[in-house]
Amino acid sequence: MIFTHDIMPTLLLKQLYRGSRILAGSPYHKWV
């Protein structure tokens, strides 16, 4: 499964994405 191999990068990207959304004050931060 590729999922197990992509877990780490996905989590890191999720954290960065969430941080950038919060910094940008985007309303989409409600999604996560």
Protein backbone atom coordinates (compact mmCIF):
# COMPACT_ATOMS: atom_id res chain seq x y z
CA MET A 1 0.00 0.00 0.00
CA ILE A 2 1.24 3.46 -0.86
CA PHE A 3 -0.93 4.95 1.88
CA THR A 4 1.38 3.84 4.70
CA HIS A 5 4.36 5.33 2.84
CA ASP A 6 2.56 8.64 2.30
CA ILE A 7 1.33 9.05 5.87
CA MET A 8 4.32 11.09 7.09
CA PRO A 9 4.50 13.58 4.16
CA THR A 10 0.72 13.91 4.25
CA LEU A 11 0.73 14.77 7.96
CA LEU A 12 3.53 17.27 7.48
CA LEU A 13 1.76 18.90 4.54
CA LYS A 14 -1.47 18.97 6.53
CA GLN A 15 0.26 20.78 9.41
CA LEU A 16 1.85 23.30 7.05
CA TYR A 17 -1.40 23.78 5.16
CA ARG A 18 -3.36 24.30 8.38
CA GLY A 19 -0.76 26.79 9.65
CA SER A 20 -0.77 28.76 6.40
CA ARG A 21 -4.56 28.84 6.36
CA ILE A 22 -4.67 30.14 9.93
CA LEU A 23 -2.01 32.75 9.15
CA ALA A 24 -3.93 33.79 6.05
CA GLY A 25 -7.12 34.03 8.12
CA SER A 26 -8.92 31.85 5.59
CA PRO A 27 -12.48 30.74 6.48
CA TYR A 28 -11.61 27.27 5.16
CA HIS A 29 -9.82 26.47 8.43
CA LYS A 30 -13.20 25.22 9.64
CA TRP A 31 -12.72 22.16 7.41
CA VAL A 32 -9.89 20.89 9.61
